[in-house]
């Protein structure tokens, strides 16, 4: 039995956004907000994020992670 951010993996797309409380959200942002680990994490809006400007302080970390994915073992 799988549940959470990875979905239910039961081939039923109607229950993929099941929250920890057991209700089903209809939108990605509302679903993701139910899994926020801390109130320090920003709420997602229903509008698309601009990750580079929203999380400018994380740019170096993101570039380092992407560099790993572009390295020879992953090519």
PDB file of N, CA and C in Angstrom:
ATOM      1  N   UNK A   1       0.845  -1.174   0.000  1.00  0.00           N
ATOM      2  CA  UNK A   1       0.000   0.000   0.000  1.00  0.00           C
ATOM      3  C   UNK A   1       0.889   1.236   0.000  1.00  0.00           C
ATOM      4  N   UNK A   2       0.723   2.072  -0.990  1.00  0.00           N
ATOM      5  CA  UNK A   2       1.504   3.302  -1.118  1.00  0.00           C
ATOM      6  C   UNK A   2       0.549   4.472  -0.994  1.00  0.00           C
ATOM      7  N   UNK A   3       1.032   5.528  -0.336  1.00  0.00           N
ATOM      8  CA  UNK A   3       0.218   6.712  -0.165  1.00  0.00           C
ATOM      9  C   UNK A   3       1.132   7.907  -0.020  1.00  0.00           C
ATOM     10  N   UNK A   4       0.653   9.075  -0.292  1.00  0.00           N
ATOM     11  CA  UNK A   4       1.440  10.272  -0.070  1.00  0.00           C
ATOM     12  C   UNK A   4       1.842  10.949  -1.360  1.00  0.00           C
ATOM     13  N   UNK A   5       2.973  11.629  -1.321  1.00  0.00           N
ATOM     14  CA  UNK A   5       3.414  12.405  -2.465  1.00  0.00           C
ATOM     15  C   UNK A   5       3.680  11.546  -3.687  1.00  0.00           C
ATOM     16  N   UNK A   6       3.934  10.264  -3.515  1.00  0.00           N
ATOM     17  CA  UNK A   6       4.170   9.368  -4.652  1.00  0.00           C
ATOM     18  C   UNK A   6       2.871   8.834  -5.236  1.00  0.00           C
ATOM     19  N   UNK A   7       1.746   9.148  -4.658  1.00  0.00           N
ATOM     20  CA  UNK A   7       0.466   8.663  -5.153  1.00  0.00           C
ATOM     21  C   UNK A   7       0.133   7.307  -4.546  1.00  0.00           C
ATOM     22  N   UNK A   8      -0.951   6.734  -5.009  1.00  0.00           N
ATOM     23  CA  UNK A   8      -1.412   5.454  -4.463  1.00  0.00           C
ATOM     24  C   UNK A   8      -0.974   4.267  -5.302  1.00  0.00           C
ATOM     25  N   UNK A   9      -0.538   4.529  -6.523  1.00  0.00           N
ATOM     26  CA  UNK A   9      -0.038   3.497  -7.432  1.00  0.00           C
ATOM     27  C   UNK A   9      -1.031   2.357  -7.598  1.00  0.00           C
ATOM     28  N   UNK A  10      -2.297   2.715  -7.757  1.00  0.00           N
ATOM     29  CA  UNK A  10      -3.339   1.697  -7.951  1.00  0.00           C
ATOM     30  C   UNK A  10      -4.048   1.851  -9.294  1.00  0.00           C
ATOM     31  N   UNK A  11      -3.466   2.635 -10.185  1.00  0.00           N
ATOM     32  CA  UNK A  11      -3.978   2.894 -11.528  1.00  0.00           C
ATOM     33  C   UNK A  11      -5.284   3.688 -11.524  1.00  0.00           C
ATOM     34  N   UNK A  12      -5.666   4.235 -10.392  1.00  0.00           N
ATOM     35  CA  UNK A  12      -6.859   5.070 -10.296  1.00  0.00           C
ATOM     36  C   UNK A  12      -6.407   6.507 -10.087  1.00  0.00           C
ATOM     37  N   UNK A  13      -6.458   7.316 -11.118  1.00  0.00           N
ATOM     38  CA  UNK A  13      -5.961   8.689 -11.016  1.00  0.00           C
ATOM     39  C   UNK A  13      -6.859   9.579 -10.154  1.00  0.00           C
ATOM     40  N   UNK A  14      -8.050   9.133  -9.821  1.00  0.00           N
ATOM     41  CA  UNK A  14      -8.964   9.939  -9.025  1.00  0.00           C
ATOM     42  C   UNK A  14      -8.506  10.098  -7.578  1.00  0.00           C
ATOM     43  N   UNK A  15      -7.653   9.197  -7.085  1.00  0.00           N
ATOM     44  CA  UNK A  15      -7.226   9.297  -5.687  1.00  0.00           C
ATOM     45  C   UNK A  15      -5.728   9.580  -5.525  1.00  0.00           C
ATOM     46  N   UNK A  16      -5.088  10.047  -6.588  1.00  0.00           N
ATOM     47  CA  UNK A  16      -3.647  10.299  -6.516  1.00  0.00           C
ATOM     48  C   UNK A  16      -3.295  11.434  -5.558  1.00  0.00           C
ATOM     49  N   UNK A  17      -4.171  12.398  -5.373  1.00  0.00           N
ATOM     50  CA  UNK A  17      -3.869  13.528  -4.495  1.00  0.00           C
ATOM     51  C   UNK A  17      -4.500  13.343  -3.120  1.00  0.00           C
ATOM     52  N   UNK A  18      -4.413  12.141  -2.559  1.00  0.00           N
ATOM     53  CA  UNK A  18      -4.936  11.876  -1.226  1.00  0.00           C
ATOM     54  C   UNK A  18      -3.993  12.479  -0.188  1.00  0.00           C
ATOM     55  N   UNK A  19      -4.533  13.298   0.708  1.00  0.00           N
ATOM     56  CA  UNK A  19      -3.739  13.999   1.711  1.00  0.00           C
ATOM     57  C   UNK A  19      -3.528  13.121   2.950  1.00  0.00           C
ATOM     58  N   UNK A  20      -2.660  13.547   3.871  1.00  0.00           N
ATOM     59  CA  UNK A  20      -2.466  12.777   5.096  1.00  0.00           C
ATOM     60  C   UNK A  20      -3.761  12.588   5.891  1.00  0.00           C
ATOM     61  N   UNK A  21      -4.703  13.519   5.755  1.00  0.00           N
ATOM     62  CA  UNK A  21      -5.979  13.418   6.475  1.00  0.00           C
ATOM     63  C   UNK A  21      -6.960  12.481   5.767  1.00  0.00           C
ATOM     64  N   UNK A  22      -6.608  12.039   4.543  1.00  0.00           N
ATOM     65  CA  UNK A  22      -7.456  11.115   3.825  1.00  0.00           C
ATOM     66  C   UNK A  22      -8.393  11.757   2.822  1.00  0.00           C
ATOM     67  N   UNK A  23      -8.424  13.104   2.761  1.00  0.00           N
ATOM     68  CA  UNK A  23      -9.263  13.739   1.757  1.00  0.00           C
ATOM     69  C   UNK A  23      -8.492  13.823   0.442  1.00  0.00           C
ATOM     70  N   UNK A  24      -9.184  14.087  -0.642  1.00  0.00           N
ATOM     71  CA  UNK A  24      -8.562  14.140  -1.964  1.00  0.00           C
ATOM     72  C   UNK A  24      -8.607  15.570  -2.471  1.00  0.00           C
ATOM     73  N   UNK A  25      -7.441  16.129  -2.755  1.00  0.00           N
ATOM     74  CA  UNK A  25      -7.348  17.483  -3.311  1.00  0.00           C
ATOM     75  C   UNK A  25      -7.467  17.408  -4.829  1.00  0.00           C
ATOM     76  N   UNK A  26      -7.913  18.491  -5.433  1.00  0.00           N
ATOM     77  CA  UNK A  26      -8.055  18.514  -6.886  1.00  0.00           C
ATOM     78  C   UNK A  26      -6.909  19.229  -7.569  1.00  0.00           C
ATOM     79  N   UNK A  27      -6.142  20.028  -6.820  1.00  0.00           N
ATOM     80  CA  UNK A  27      -5.044  20.776  -7.413  1.00  0.00           C
ATOM     81  C   UNK A  27      -3.698  20.405  -6.812  1.00  0.00           C
ATOM     82  N   UNK A  28      -2.656  20.546  -7.606  1.00  0.00           N
ATOM     83  CA  UNK A  28      -1.305  20.186  -7.175  1.00  0.00           C
ATOM     84  C   UNK A  28      -0.848  21.047  -6.004  1.00  0.00           C
ATOM     85  N   UNK A  29      -1.051  22.358  -6.076  1.00  0.00           N
ATOM     86  CA  UNK A  29      -0.572  23.251  -5.017  1.00  0.00           C
ATOM     87  C   UNK A  29      -1.259  22.948  -3.688  1.00  0.00           C
ATOM     88  N   UNK A  30      -2.567  22.786  -3.709  1.00  0.00           N
ATOM     89  CA  UNK A  30      -3.291  22.482  -2.470  1.00  0.00           C
ATOM     90  C   UNK A  30      -2.838  21.147  -1.895  1.00  0.00           C
ATOM     91  N   UNK A  31      -2.597  20.174  -2.761  1.00  0.00           N
ATOM     92  CA  UNK A  31      -2.113  18.861  -2.328  1.00  0.00           C
ATOM     93  C   UNK A  31      -0.731  18.972  -1.690  1.00  0.00           C
ATOM     94  N   UNK A  32       0.185  19.638  -2.366  1.00  0.00           N
ATOM     95  CA  UNK A  32       1.554  19.771  -1.849  1.00  0.00           C
ATOM     96  C   UNK A  32       1.576  20.533  -0.535  1.00  0.00           C
ATOM     97  N   UNK A  33       0.733  21.533  -0.379  1.00  0.00           N
ATOM     98  CA  UNK A  33       0.703  22.309   0.859  1.00  0.00           C
ATOM     99  C   UNK A  33       0.303  21.458   2.062  1.00  0.00           C
ATOM    100  N   UNK A  34      -0.467  20.405   1.844  1.00  0.00           N
ATOM    101  CA  UNK A  34      -0.861  19.525   2.951  1.00  0.00           C
ATOM    102  C   UNK A  34       0.327  18.726   3.486  1.00  0.00           C
ATOM    103  N   UNK A  35       1.400  18.618   2.704  1.00  0.00           N
ATOM    104  CA  UNK A  35       2.579  17.852   3.105  1.00  0.00           C
ATOM    105  C   UNK A  35       3.727  18.740   3.574  1.00  0.00           C
ATOM    106  N   UNK A  36       3.475  20.032   3.761  1.00  0.00           N
ATOM    107  CA  UNK A  36       4.545  20.913   4.256  1.00  0.00           C
ATOM    108  C   UNK A  36       5.020  20.413   5.610  1.00  0.00           C
ATOM    109  N   UNK A  37       6.330  20.258   5.755  1.00  0.00           N
ATOM    110  CA  UNK A  37       6.897  19.719   6.986  1.00  0.00           C
ATOM    111  C   UNK A  37       6.992  20.778   8.083  1.00  0.00           C
ATOM    112  N   UNK A  38       7.001  22.027   7.708  1.00  0.00           N
ATOM    113  CA  UNK A  38       7.185  23.098   8.681  1.00  0.00           C
ATOM    114  C   UNK A  38       6.445  24.338   8.201  1.00  0.00           C
ATOM    115  N   UNK A  39       6.009  25.132   9.144  1.00  0.00           N
ATOM    116  CA  UNK A  39       5.364  26.391   8.763  1.00  0.00           C
ATOM    117  C   UNK A  39       6.391  27.368   8.192  1.00  0.00           C
ATOM    118  N   UNK A  40       7.690  27.048   8.349  1.00  0.00           N
ATOM    119  CA  UNK A  40       8.743  27.868   7.738  1.00  0.00           C
ATOM    120  C   UNK A  40       8.781  27.705   6.224  1.00  0.00           C
ATOM    121  N   UNK A  41       8.257  26.586   5.733  1.00  0.00           N
ATOM    122  CA  UNK A  41       8.214  26.351   4.287  1.00  0.00           C
ATOM    123  C   UNK A  41       7.148  27.250   3.678  1.00  0.00           C
ATOM    124  N   UNK A  42       7.454  27.895   2.562  1.00  0.00           N
ATOM    125  CA  UNK A  42       6.444  28.772   1.957  1.00  0.00           C
ATOM    126  C   UNK A  42       5.296  27.962   1.373  1.00  0.00           C
ATOM    127  N   UNK A  43       4.086  28.507   1.477  1.00  0.00           N
ATOM    128  CA  UNK A  43       2.908  27.889   0.861  1.00  0.00           C
ATOM    129  C   UNK A  43       3.051  28.022  -0.650  1.00  0.00           C
ATOM    130  N   UNK A  44       2.663  26.986  -1.369  1.00  0.00           N
ATOM    131  CA  UNK A  44       2.650  27.068  -2.825  1.00  0.00           C
ATOM    132  C   UNK A  44       1.373  27.757  -3.261  1.00  0.00           C
ATOM    133  N   UNK A  45       1.493  28.565  -4.275  1.00  0.00           N
ATOM    134  CA  UNK A  45       0.298  29.202  -4.818  1.00  0.00           C
ATOM    135  C   UNK A  45      -0.195  28.363  -5.989  1.00  0.00           C
ATOM    136  N   UNK A  46      -1.446  28.535  -6.381  1.00  0.00           N
ATOM    137  CA  UNK A  46      -1.950  27.758  -7.519  1.00  0.00           C
ATOM    138  C   UNK A  46      -1.336  28.196  -8.839  1.00  0.00           C
ATOM    139  N   UNK A  47      -0.599  29.302  -8.829  1.00  0.00           N
ATOM    140  CA  UNK A  47       0.046  29.785 -10.038  1.00  0.00           C
ATOM    141  C   UNK A  47       1.446  29.200 -10.138  1.00  0.00           C
ATOM    142  N   UNK A  48       1.961  29.027 -11.343  1.00  0.00           N
ATOM    143  CA  UNK A  48       3.306  28.453 -11.484  1.00  0.00           C
ATOM    144  C   UNK A  48       4.370  29.294 -10.772  1.00  0.00           C
ATOM    145  N   UNK A  49       5.252  28.601 -10.084  1.00  0.00           N
ATOM    146  CA  UNK A  49       6.368  29.266  -9.403  1.00  0.00           C
ATOM    147  C   UNK A  49       7.422  29.692 -10.400  1.00  0.00           C
ATOM    148  N   UNK A  50       8.181  30.673 -10.007  1.00  0.00           N
ATOM    149  CA  UNK A  50       9.386  31.020 -10.729  1.00  0.00           C
ATOM    150  C   UNK A  50      10.519  30.631  -9.778  1.00  0.00           C
ATOM    151  N   UNK A  51      10.973  29.366  -9.830  1.00  0.00           N
ATOM    152  CA  UNK A  51      11.891  28.859  -8.817  1.00  0.00           C
ATOM    153  C   UNK A  51      13.172  29.657  -8.669  1.00  0.00           C
ATOM    154  N   UNK A  52      13.704  30.198  -9.741  1.00  0.00           N
ATOM    155  CA  UNK A  52      14.979  30.921  -9.633  1.00  0.00           C
ATOM    156  C   UNK A  52      14.840  32.194  -8.809  1.00  0.00           C
ATOM    157  N   UNK A  53      13.715  32.897  -8.938  1.00  0.00           N
ATOM    158  CA  UNK A  53      13.542  34.113  -8.154  1.00  0.00           C
ATOM    159  C   UNK A  53      12.927  33.816  -6.783  1.00  0.00           C
ATOM    160  N   UNK A  54      12.082  32.798  -6.692  1.00  0.00           N
ATOM    161  CA  UNK A  54      11.437  32.469  -5.425  1.00  0.00           C
ATOM    162  C   UNK A  54      12.431  31.903  -4.424  1.00  0.00           C
ATOM    163  N   UNK A  55      13.349  31.073  -4.895  1.00  0.00           N
ATOM    164  CA  UNK A  55      14.322  30.412  -4.017  1.00  0.00           C
ATOM    165  C   UNK A  55      15.744  30.776  -4.423  1.00  0.00           C
ATOM    166  N   UNK A  56      16.009  32.059  -4.576  1.00  0.00           N
ATOM    167  CA  UNK A  56      17.311  32.526  -5.061  1.00  0.00           C
ATOM    168  C   UNK A  56      18.473  32.009  -4.210  1.00  0.00           C
ATOM    169  N   UNK A  57      18.280  31.855  -2.908  1.00  0.00           N
ATOM    170  CA  UNK A  57      19.346  31.388  -2.028  1.00  0.00           C
ATOM    171  C   UNK A  57      19.693  29.926  -2.228  1.00  0.00           C
ATOM    172  N   UNK A  58      18.893  29.189  -2.962  1.00  0.00           N
ATOM    173  CA  UNK A  58      19.133  27.753  -3.187  1.00  0.00           C
ATOM    174  C   UNK A  58      19.755  27.470  -4.555  1.00  0.00           C
ATOM    175  N   UNK A  59      20.064  28.511  -5.299  1.00  0.00           N
ATOM    176  CA  UNK A  59      20.573  28.334  -6.661  1.00  0.00           C
ATOM    177  C   UNK A  59      21.847  27.495  -6.705  1.00  0.00           C
ATOM    178  N   UNK A  60      22.796  27.786  -5.829  1.00  0.00           N
ATOM    179  CA  UNK A  60      24.057  27.030  -5.836  1.00  0.00           C
ATOM    180  C   UNK A  60      23.817  25.548  -5.557  1.00  0.00           C
ATOM    181  N   UNK A  61      22.950  25.258  -4.605  1.00  0.00           N
ATOM    182  CA  UNK A  61      22.630  23.862  -4.290  1.00  0.00           C
ATOM    183  C   UNK A  61      21.990  23.173  -5.494  1.00  0.00           C
ATOM    184  N   UNK A  62      21.073  23.853  -6.167  1.00  0.00           N
ATOM    185  CA  UNK A  62      20.411  23.279  -7.342  1.00  0.00           C
ATOM    186  C   UNK A  62      21.404  23.042  -8.472  1.00  0.00           C
ATOM    187  N   UNK A  63      22.301  23.986  -8.687  1.00  0.00           N
ATOM    188  CA  UNK A  63      23.298  23.816  -9.747  1.00  0.00           C
ATOM    189  C   UNK A  63      24.232  22.651  -9.445  1.00  0.00           C
ATOM    190  N   UNK A  64      24.603  22.468  -8.177  1.00  0.00           N
ATOM    191  CA  UNK A  64      25.463  21.344  -7.793  1.00  0.00           C
ATOM    192  C   UNK A  64      24.733  20.014  -8.013  1.00  0.00           C
ATOM    193  N   UNK A  65      23.450  19.967  -7.666  1.00  0.00           N
ATOM    194  CA  UNK A  65      22.669  18.739  -7.867  1.00  0.00           C
ATOM    195  C   UNK A  65      22.526  18.432  -9.356  1.00  0.00           C
ATOM    196  N   UNK A  66      22.285  19.446 -10.158  1.00  0.00           N
ATOM    197  CA  UNK A  66      22.164  19.235 -11.601  1.00  0.00           C
ATOM    198  C   UNK A  66      23.492  18.795 -12.213  1.00  0.00           C
ATOM    199  N   UNK A  67      24.587  19.303 -11.689  1.00  0.00           N
ATOM    200  CA  UNK A  67      25.902  18.900 -12.191  1.00  0.00           C
ATOM    201  C   UNK A  67      26.106  17.398 -12.015  1.00  0.00           C
ATOM    202  N   UNK A  68      25.633  16.860 -10.915  1.00  0.00           N
ATOM    203  CA  UNK A  68      25.734  15.414 -10.685  1.00  0.00           C
ATOM    204  C   UNK A  68      24.939  14.664 -11.747  1.00  0.00           C
ATOM    205  N   UNK A  69      23.743  15.133 -12.047  1.00  0.00           N
ATOM    206  CA  UNK A  69      22.896  14.469 -13.036  1.00  0.00           C
ATOM    207  C   UNK A  69      23.455  14.575 -14.458  1.00  0.00           C
ATOM    208  N   UNK A  70      24.284  15.577 -14.704  1.00  0.00           N
ATOM    209  CA  UNK A  70      24.889  15.737 -16.024  1.00  0.00           C
ATOM    210  C   UNK A  70      26.264  15.088 -16.110  1.00  0.00           C
ATOM    211  N   UNK A  71      26.697  14.442 -15.047  1.00  0.00           N
ATOM    212  CA  UNK A  71      28.025  13.814 -15.019  1.00  0.00           C
ATOM    213  C   UNK A  71      28.014  12.486 -15.795  1.00  0.00           C
ATOM    214  N   UNK A  72      29.183  11.970 -16.147  1.00  0.00           N
ATOM    215  CA  UNK A  72      29.283  10.755 -16.973  1.00  0.00           C
ATOM    216  C   UNK A  72      28.471   9.545 -16.500  1.00  0.00           C
ATOM    217  N   UNK A  73      28.380   9.247 -15.208  1.00  0.00           N
ATOM    218  CA  UNK A  73      27.592   8.058 -14.832  1.00  0.00           C
ATOM    219  C   UNK A  73      26.127   8.117 -15.260  1.00  0.00           C
ATOM    220  N   UNK A  74      25.583   9.309 -15.448  1.00  0.00           N
ATOM    221  CA  UNK A  74      24.168   9.463 -15.801  1.00  0.00           C
ATOM    222  C   UNK A  74      23.955   9.727 -17.290  1.00  0.00           C
ATOM    223  N   UNK A  75      25.025   9.736 -18.071  1.00  0.00           N
ATOM    224  CA  UNK A  75      24.878  10.014 -19.510  1.00  0.00           C
ATOM    225  C   UNK A  75      24.583   8.760 -20.286  1.00  0.00           C
TER     226      UNK A  75
END
